[in-house]
Structure formats: C-alpha cells, structure tokens
Amino acid sequence: MKKIENFKQRSIQALISAVCSILIGVCLYPLLFGMPLTGMPAKGDVKEIRLEYAGKTVTLTDAEQVSLALNMTAYLKYKPFKEATMGEKSVSMTLFTEDGEEIALTGSENEVTYKDKTHPLKQDGLFMKGITALYFGE
C-alpha cells in the first residue's frame, strides 16, 4: 500500500514539474525570440501580393513568388510589451486572398504595422532588407 501512495506522489510531482516547465517555456519564448504576427493567411489562400518601396511597385502572381514573399513574413517577430517608435515606413505589402480580402502590412527597419497596430521588431532590418534585395534589387 505504501508503494502505491509513493508512486502516486511521485507521479503527481512529476506532472506538476512538467506543467510548470511548459508554462515557463511558453511565457519566456516570446520574450527571448519575439512574438510572431498572427492572422497571416495560408500560402494557398493568397492569389496576389503587391509590394511598394520608394515609389516602385511590384506585383507577384506566380505561386512560387507569392510563397517566397509570404515566407519573408516569418521574420516579422515583434517585441511584446514594448512601444514602437513611429518611424518612416519603407516597405508596403498588400496581400490579396482568394476570397477577395485585402491585408495590408507595412514595415520599416525597426517596426511593422499590421492590423492597425505598430510593433517594434525583434530583428531590426531583416524583413525590409530581404524584400528590397529580392524584389527591388537593392
């Protein structure tokens, strides 16, 4: 009987330790690595992307190019609980989905505006430099 009680206590302690470890990891991840933008459409749902930079416009309709541009949004991780400094916006990305929805995204060296909220980026310049190098030759 005592072995069963001991086993129950150790099992409960192990379960509590596992749950606490998971909660700590989930809470620390956004602070250490940045919070990803949520609500981005799936690759198959986007039929066209319009990019604007320094007065130039590029329209992407090829599935491979659309996929590549959407992959660039993975670099848009922001710092939670920090205020963004309003700077000059540089790259504008408009996603056109199959169901007719337009999703606007604007990024600069150190911030991104998405769904009418401006967030400071965790990795400064990565998104803007990637888009301008790939599509605008800079």
N, C-alpha and C. Protein backbone atom coordinates (compact mmCIF):
# COMPACT_ATOMS: atom_id res chain seq x y z
N MET A 1 0.81 -1.21 0.00
CA MET A 1 0.00 0.00 0.00
C MET A 1 0.85 1.27 0.00
N LYS A 2 1.95 1.17 0.77
CA LYS A 2 2.82 2.33 0.85
C LYS A 2 3.50 2.61 -0.49
N LYS A 3 3.81 1.55 -1.27
CA LYS A 3 4.43 1.72 -2.59
C LYS A 3 3.49 2.44 -3.55
N ILE A 4 2.20 2.14 -3.46
CA ILE A 4 1.22 2.78 -4.34
C ILE A 4 1.11 4.26 -4.02
N GLU A 5 1.08 4.61 -2.74
CA GLU A 5 0.99 6.02 -2.34
C GLU A 5 2.26 6.77 -2.77
N ASN A 6 3.40 6.12 -2.60
CA ASN A 6 4.66 6.72 -3.02
C ASN A 6 4.66 6.97 -4.53
N PHE A 7 4.18 5.99 -5.28
CA PHE A 7 4.10 6.12 -6.74
C PHE A 7 3.17 7.26 -7.13
N LYS A 8 2.03 7.38 -6.46
CA LYS A 8 1.08 8.46 -6.75
C LYS A 8 1.72 9.82 -6.47
N GLN A 9 2.40 9.93 -5.35
CA GLN A 9 3.02 11.21 -5.00
C GLN A 9 4.10 11.59 -6.01
N ARG A 10 4.94 10.63 -6.40
CA ARG A 10 5.98 10.92 -7.38
C ARG A 10 5.39 11.26 -8.74
N SER A 11 4.30 10.59 -9.11
CA SER A 11 3.64 10.88 -10.39
C SER A 11 3.06 12.28 -10.39
N ILE A 12 2.43 12.66 -9.31
CA ILE A 12 1.85 14.00 -9.20
C ILE A 12 2.96 15.06 -9.22
N GLN A 13 4.06 14.81 -8.53
CA GLN A 13 5.17 15.75 -8.53
C GLN A 13 5.77 15.89 -9.93
N ALA A 14 5.91 14.78 -10.62
CA ALA A 14 6.45 14.82 -11.99
C ALA A 14 5.51 15.58 -12.91
N LEU A 15 4.22 15.36 -12.77
CA LEU A 15 3.24 16.05 -13.59
C LEU A 15 3.27 17.56 -13.31
N ILE A 16 3.33 17.93 -12.06
CA ILE A 16 3.39 19.35 -11.70
C ILE A 16 4.67 19.98 -12.25
N SER A 17 5.79 19.28 -12.16
CA SER A 17 7.05 19.80 -12.70
C SER A 17 6.97 19.98 -14.21
N ALA A 18 6.38 19.02 -14.89
CA ALA A 18 6.25 19.12 -16.35
C ALA A 18 5.37 20.30 -16.74
N VAL A 19 4.24 20.45 -16.07
CA VAL A 19 3.32 21.55 -16.38
C VAL A 19 3.99 22.90 -16.11
N CYS A 20 4.71 23.01 -15.00
CA CYS A 20 5.41 24.26 -14.68
C CYS A 20 6.49 24.56 -15.73
N SER A 21 7.22 23.55 -16.16
CA SER A 21 8.26 23.75 -17.18
C SER A 21 7.66 24.22 -18.48
N ILE A 22 6.55 23.64 -18.88
CA ILE A 22 5.88 24.04 -20.11
C ILE A 22 5.39 25.48 -20.01
N LEU A 23 4.78 25.84 -18.89
CA LEU A 23 4.29 27.20 -18.71
C LEU A 23 5.43 28.22 -18.72
N ILE A 24 6.53 27.89 -18.09
CA ILE A 24 7.68 28.80 -18.09
C ILE A 24 8.20 28.96 -19.52
N GLY A 25 8.30 27.85 -20.26
CA GLY A 25 8.77 27.92 -21.64
C GLY A 25 7.86 28.75 -22.53
N VAL A 26 6.57 28.56 -22.38
CA VAL A 26 5.60 29.31 -23.19
C VAL A 26 5.65 30.80 -22.86
N CYS A 27 5.88 31.14 -21.64
CA CYS A 27 5.95 32.55 -21.25
C CYS A 27 7.27 33.19 -21.66
N LEU A 28 8.37 32.46 -21.60
CA LEU A 28 9.67 33.03 -21.92
C LEU A 28 9.96 33.10 -23.41
N TYR A 29 9.39 32.21 -24.20
CA TYR A 29 9.68 32.16 -25.63
C TYR A 29 9.45 33.52 -26.32
N PRO A 30 8.28 34.15 -26.14
CA PRO A 30 8.08 35.45 -26.82
C PRO A 30 9.05 36.53 -26.33
N LEU A 31 9.44 36.48 -25.09
CA LEU A 31 10.37 37.48 -24.57
C LEU A 31 11.76 37.30 -25.15
N LEU A 32 12.18 36.05 -25.34
CA LEU A 32 13.52 35.77 -25.84
C LEU A 32 13.62 35.85 -27.37
N PHE A 33 12.62 35.32 -28.07
CA PHE A 33 12.71 35.18 -29.52
C PHE A 33 11.73 36.07 -30.29
N GLY A 34 10.86 36.76 -29.61
CA GLY A 34 9.89 37.63 -30.26
C GLY A 34 8.57 36.92 -30.51
N MET A 35 7.54 37.71 -30.63
CA MET A 35 6.18 37.20 -30.85
C MET A 35 5.88 37.25 -32.35
N PRO A 36 5.49 36.13 -32.95
CA PRO A 36 5.18 36.17 -34.39
C PRO A 36 3.85 36.88 -34.65
N LEU A 37 3.74 37.50 -35.82
CA LEU A 37 2.47 38.11 -36.21
C LEU A 37 1.46 36.99 -36.43
N THR A 38 0.30 37.15 -35.89
CA THR A 38 -0.74 36.14 -36.05
C THR A 38 -1.79 36.62 -37.04
N GLY A 39 -2.45 35.67 -37.66
CA GLY A 39 -3.53 36.01 -38.57
C GLY A 39 -3.11 36.14 -40.01
N MET A 40 -1.87 35.78 -40.32
CA MET A 40 -1.42 35.82 -41.71
C MET A 40 -2.11 34.68 -42.47
N PRO A 41 -2.55 34.93 -43.68
CA PRO A 41 -3.24 33.88 -44.44
C PRO A 41 -2.27 32.78 -44.88
N ALA A 42 -2.82 31.61 -45.15
CA ALA A 42 -2.03 30.49 -45.64
C ALA A 42 -1.58 30.76 -47.07
N LYS A 43 -0.51 30.11 -47.47
CA LYS A 43 0.05 30.34 -48.81
C LYS A 43 -0.97 30.07 -49.91
N GLY A 44 -1.74 29.04 -49.75
CA GLY A 44 -2.73 28.67 -50.76
C GLY A 44 -3.89 29.64 -50.86
N ASP A 45 -4.08 30.47 -49.84
CA ASP A 45 -5.19 31.41 -49.83
C ASP A 45 -4.86 32.75 -50.50
N VAL A 46 -3.59 33.00 -50.76
CA VAL A 46 -3.17 34.28 -51.33
C VAL A 46 -2.97 34.11 -52.84
N LYS A 47 -3.65 34.94 -53.61
CA LYS A 47 -3.52 34.84 -55.07
C LYS A 47 -2.58 35.89 -55.64
N GLU A 48 -2.39 36.99 -54.92
CA GLU A 48 -1.55 38.08 -55.43
C GLU A 48 -0.98 38.87 -54.26
N ILE A 49 0.24 39.38 -54.46
CA ILE A 49 0.88 40.26 -53.47
C ILE A 49 1.41 41.48 -54.21
N ARG A 50 1.12 42.65 -53.66
CA ARG A 50 1.64 43.90 -54.20
C ARG A 50 2.64 44.47 -53.21
N LEU A 51 3.86 44.71 -53.68
CA LEU A 51 4.93 45.28 -52.86
C LEU A 51 5.22 46.69 -53.34
N GLU A 52 5.39 47.62 -52.41
CA GLU A 52 5.71 49.00 -52.75
C GLU A 52 6.91 49.45 -51.93
N TYR A 53 7.85 50.09 -52.63
CA TYR A 53 9.05 50.59 -51.96
C TYR A 53 9.63 51.74 -52.78
N ALA A 54 9.87 52.85 -52.16
CA ALA A 54 10.49 54.03 -52.78
C ALA A 54 9.83 54.41 -54.10
N GLY A 55 8.51 54.40 -54.14
CA GLY A 55 7.78 54.80 -55.33
C GLY A 55 7.67 53.72 -56.41
N LYS A 56 8.28 52.58 -56.19
CA LYS A 56 8.20 51.46 -57.14
C LYS A 56 7.19 50.44 -56.64
N THR A 57 6.51 49.78 -57.58
CA THR A 57 5.52 48.76 -57.23
C THR A 57 5.84 47.47 -57.98
N VAL A 58 5.79 46.37 -57.27
CA VAL A 58 5.97 45.04 -57.86
C VAL A 58 4.75 44.21 -57.50
N THR A 59 4.17 43.56 -58.50
CA THR A 59 3.01 42.69 -58.26
C THR A 59 3.43 41.25 -58.51
N LEU A 60 3.17 40.40 -57.51
CA LEU A 60 3.52 38.98 -57.60
C LEU A 60 2.26 38.15 -57.75
N THR A 61 2.20 37.34 -58.80
CA THR A 61 1.04 36.45 -59.01
C THR A 61 1.47 34.99 -59.13
N ASP A 62 2.76 34.76 -59.46
CA ASP A 62 3.28 33.41 -59.56
C ASP A 62 3.27 32.75 -58.18
N ALA A 63 2.78 31.51 -58.10
CA ALA A 63 2.63 30.83 -56.81
C ALA A 63 3.95 30.73 -56.06
N GLU A 64 5.05 30.50 -56.76
CA GLU A 64 6.35 30.38 -56.11
C GLU A 64 6.80 31.72 -55.53
N GLN A 65 6.60 32.80 -56.27
CA GLN A 65 6.98 34.13 -55.80
C GLN A 65 6.10 34.57 -54.63
N VAL A 66 4.81 34.25 -54.70
CA VAL A 66 3.89 34.56 -53.60
C VAL A 66 4.32 33.82 -52.35
N SER A 67 4.68 32.55 -52.50
CA SER A 67 5.13 31.74 -51.38
C SER A 67 6.41 32.30 -50.76
N LEU A 68 7.33 32.72 -51.60
CA LEU A 68 8.59 33.29 -51.12
C LEU A 68 8.35 34.58 -50.35
N ALA A 69 7.49 35.44 -50.86
CA ALA A 69 7.18 36.70 -50.17
C ALA A 69 6.48 36.43 -48.84
N LEU A 70 5.60 35.44 -48.82
CA LEU A 70 4.93 35.10 -47.55
C LEU A 70 5.92 34.52 -46.55
N ASN A 71 6.90 33.79 -47.04
CA ASN A 71 7.93 33.25 -46.13
C ASN A 71 8.71 34.38 -45.46
N MET A 72 8.85 35.51 -46.14
CA MET A 72 9.56 36.65 -45.56
C MET A 72 8.83 37.20 -44.32
N THR A 73 7.52 37.00 -44.26
CA THR A 73 6.78 37.49 -43.10
C THR A 73 7.13 36.71 -41.83
N ALA A 74 7.78 35.56 -41.98
CA ALA A 74 8.21 34.80 -40.80
C ALA A 74 9.25 35.57 -39.99
N TYR A 75 9.94 36.54 -40.63
CA TYR A 75 10.93 37.35 -39.94
C TYR A 75 10.29 38.50 -39.17
N LEU A 76 8.99 38.61 -39.24
CA LEU A 76 8.30 39.71 -38.56
C LEU A 76 7.90 39.30 -37.15
N LYS A 77 8.87 39.06 -36.33
CA LYS A 77 8.61 38.78 -34.92
C LYS A 77 8.84 40.07 -34.17
N TYR A 78 7.91 40.39 -33.30
CA TYR A 78 8.00 41.67 -32.60
C TYR A 78 8.23 41.48 -31.11
N LYS A 79 8.66 42.57 -30.48
CA LYS A 79 8.92 42.57 -29.05
C LYS A 79 7.61 42.83 -28.32
N PRO A 80 7.13 41.86 -27.56
CA PRO A 80 5.90 42.11 -26.81
C PRO A 80 6.16 43.08 -25.66
N PHE A 81 5.13 43.78 -25.28
CA PHE A 81 5.15 44.71 -24.15
C PHE A 81 6.07 45.91 -24.36
N LYS A 82 6.42 46.21 -25.60
CA LYS A 82 7.24 47.39 -25.90
C LYS A 82 6.46 48.28 -26.86
N GLU A 83 6.68 49.57 -26.72
CA GLU A 83 6.05 50.53 -27.61
C GLU A 83 6.95 50.77 -28.82
N ALA A 84 6.34 50.86 -29.98
CA ALA A 84 7.10 51.13 -31.20
C ALA A 84 7.29 52.64 -31.35
N THR A 85 8.44 53.00 -31.86
CA THR A 85 8.67 54.40 -32.18
C THR A 85 8.20 54.62 -33.61
N MET A 86 7.39 55.61 -33.80
CA MET A 86 6.84 55.84 -35.13
C MET A 86 7.93 56.39 -36.04
N GLY A 87 8.36 55.56 -36.97
CA GLY A 87 9.38 55.97 -37.92
C GLY A 87 8.79 56.01 -39.32
N GLU A 88 9.65 56.29 -40.27
CA GLU A 88 9.22 56.34 -41.66
C GLU A 88 9.02 54.91 -42.17
N LYS A 89 7.86 54.65 -42.75
CA LYS A 89 7.57 53.32 -43.29
C LYS A 89 8.28 53.15 -44.62
N SER A 90 8.79 51.99 -44.87
CA SER A 90 9.57 51.80 -46.08
C SER A 90 8.97 50.79 -47.05
N VAL A 91 8.59 49.63 -46.59
CA VAL A 91 8.10 48.57 -47.47
C VAL A 91 6.63 48.33 -47.15
N SER A 92 5.82 48.32 -48.19
CA SER A 92 4.40 48.06 -48.04
C SER A 92 4.07 46.76 -48.75
N MET A 93 3.37 45.87 -48.08
CA MET A 93 2.98 44.59 -48.67
C MET A 93 1.46 44.46 -48.53
N THR A 94 0.79 44.28 -49.65
CA THR A 94 -0.66 44.07 -49.63
C THR A 94 -0.94 42.68 -50.17
N LEU A 95 -1.62 41.88 -49.37
CA LEU A 95 -1.97 40.52 -49.75
C LEU A 95 -3.41 40.49 -50.24
N PHE A 96 -3.64 39.88 -51.38
CA PHE A 96 -4.98 39.72 -51.92
C PHE A 96 -5.32 38.24 -51.86
N THR A 97 -6.34 37.91 -51.08
CA THR A 97 -6.69 36.50 -50.89
C THR A 97 -7.71 36.04 -51.94
N GLU A 98 -7.91 34.75 -52.01
CA GLU A 98 -8.84 34.16 -52.97
C GLU A 98 -10.27 34.63 -52.72
N ASP A 99 -10.61 34.89 -51.46
CA ASP A 99 -11.98 35.32 -51.14
C ASP A 99 -12.17 36.83 -51.21
N GLY A 100 -11.20 37.55 -51.78
CA GLY A 100 -11.34 38.99 -52.01
C GLY A 100 -10.88 39.88 -50.88
N GLU A 101 -10.32 39.33 -49.83
CA GLU A 101 -9.86 40.13 -48.70
C GLU A 101 -8.51 40.77 -49.03
N GLU A 102 -8.32 42.00 -48.56
CA GLU A 102 -7.06 42.72 -48.72
C GLU A 102 -6.43 42.87 -47.34
N ILE A 103 -5.19 42.42 -47.20
CA ILE A 103 -4.49 42.50 -45.93
C ILE A 103 -3.25 43.36 -46.14
N ALA A 104 -3.17 44.46 -45.40
CA ALA A 104 -2.05 45.40 -45.55
C ALA A 104 -1.04 45.21 -44.43
N LEU A 105 0.21 45.35 -44.81
CA LEU A 105 1.32 45.18 -43.89
C LEU A 105 2.39 46.18 -44.31
N THR A 106 2.90 46.96 -43.35
CA THR A 106 3.92 47.95 -43.66
C THR A 106 5.07 47.77 -42.70
N GLY A 107 6.29 47.73 -43.22
CA GLY A 107 7.45 47.52 -42.37
C GLY A 107 8.56 48.50 -42.66
N SER A 108 9.31 48.82 -41.64
CA SER A 108 10.49 49.66 -41.79
C SER A 108 11.66 48.92 -41.16
N GLU A 109 12.76 49.61 -40.94
CA GLU A 109 13.95 48.97 -40.36
C GLU A 109 13.66 48.35 -38.99
N ASN A 110 12.83 49.03 -38.19
CA ASN A 110 12.68 48.57 -36.82
C ASN A 110 11.24 48.42 -36.33
N GLU A 111 10.27 48.45 -37.24
CA GLU A 111 8.89 48.29 -36.80
C GLU A 111 8.03 47.73 -37.93
N VAL A 112 6.87 47.22 -37.55
CA VAL A 112 5.90 46.71 -38.52
C VAL A 112 4.52 47.17 -38.08
N THR A 113 3.71 47.54 -39.08
CA THR A 113 2.32 47.90 -38.81
C THR A 113 1.45 46.86 -39.49
N TYR A 114 0.61 46.22 -38.69
CA TYR A 114 -0.25 45.15 -39.17
C TYR A 114 -1.55 45.20 -38.37
N LYS A 115 -2.66 45.14 -39.07
CA LYS A 115 -3.98 45.24 -38.43
C LYS A 115 -4.08 46.49 -37.56
N ASP A 116 -3.63 47.61 -38.10
CA ASP A 116 -3.69 48.93 -37.45
C ASP A 116 -2.92 49.01 -36.13
N LYS A 117 -1.96 48.11 -35.93
CA LYS A 117 -1.13 48.17 -34.73
C LYS A 117 0.33 48.19 -35.16
N THR A 118 1.10 49.06 -34.53
CA THR A 118 2.52 49.15 -34.84
C THR A 118 3.31 48.46 -33.73
N HIS A 119 4.20 47.56 -34.14
CA HIS A 119 5.01 46.79 -33.19
C HIS A 119 6.49 46.99 -33.48
N PRO A 120 7.34 47.04 -32.44
CA PRO A 120 8.78 47.09 -32.67
C PRO A 120 9.29 45.69 -33.04
N LEU A 121 10.13 45.61 -34.05
CA LEU A 121 10.64 44.32 -34.50
C LEU A 121 11.74 43.80 -33.59
N LYS A 122 11.77 42.50 -33.42
CA LYS A 122 12.82 41.86 -32.63
C LYS A 122 14.15 41.91 -33.37
N GLN A 123 14.12 41.65 -34.70
CA GLN A 123 15.33 41.68 -35.51
C GLN A 123 15.24 42.86 -36.48
N ASP A 124 15.91 43.93 -36.14
CA ASP A 124 15.84 45.15 -36.95
C ASP A 124 16.35 44.92 -38.37
N GLY A 125 15.59 45.41 -39.34
CA GLY A 125 16.01 45.47 -40.72
C GLY A 125 15.92 44.20 -41.53
N LEU A 126 15.70 43.06 -40.91
CA LEU A 126 15.73 41.79 -41.63
C LEU A 126 14.64 41.69 -42.69
N PHE A 127 13.42 42.04 -42.34
CA PHE A 127 12.30 41.96 -43.29
C PHE A 127 12.49 42.94 -44.43
N MET A 128 12.77 44.19 -44.11
CA MET A 128 12.89 45.22 -45.14
C MET A 128 14.06 44.94 -46.08
N LYS A 129 15.20 44.54 -45.54
CA LYS A 129 16.36 44.25 -46.37
C LYS A 129 16.09 43.04 -47.27
N GLY A 130 15.40 42.04 -46.76
CA GLY A 130 15.07 40.86 -47.56
C GLY A 130 14.16 41.19 -48.71
N ILE A 131 13.11 41.94 -48.47
CA ILE A 131 12.16 42.31 -49.52
C ILE A 131 12.82 43.22 -50.56
N THR A 132 13.57 44.21 -50.10
CA THR A 132 14.19 45.13 -51.07
C THR A 132 15.26 44.42 -51.88
N ALA A 133 15.98 43.49 -51.30
CA ALA A 133 17.01 42.75 -52.05
C ALA A 133 16.39 41.81 -53.08
N LEU A 134 15.32 41.12 -52.68
CA LEU A 134 14.70 40.15 -53.58
C LEU A 134 13.92 40.79 -54.72
N TYR A 135 13.19 41.84 -54.42
CA TYR A 135 12.21 42.36 -55.39
C TYR A 135 12.55 43.73 -55.96
N PHE A 136 13.44 44.47 -55.32
CA PHE A 136 13.75 45.82 -55.80
C PHE A 136 15.23 46.00 -56.13
N GLY A 137 16.00 44.94 -56.01
CA GLY A 137 17.41 44.98 -56.40
C GLY A 137 18.28 45.92 -55.62
N GLU A 138 18.00 46.08 -54.36
CA GLU A 138 18.82 47.00 -53.53
C GLU A 138 19.49 46.25 -52.41
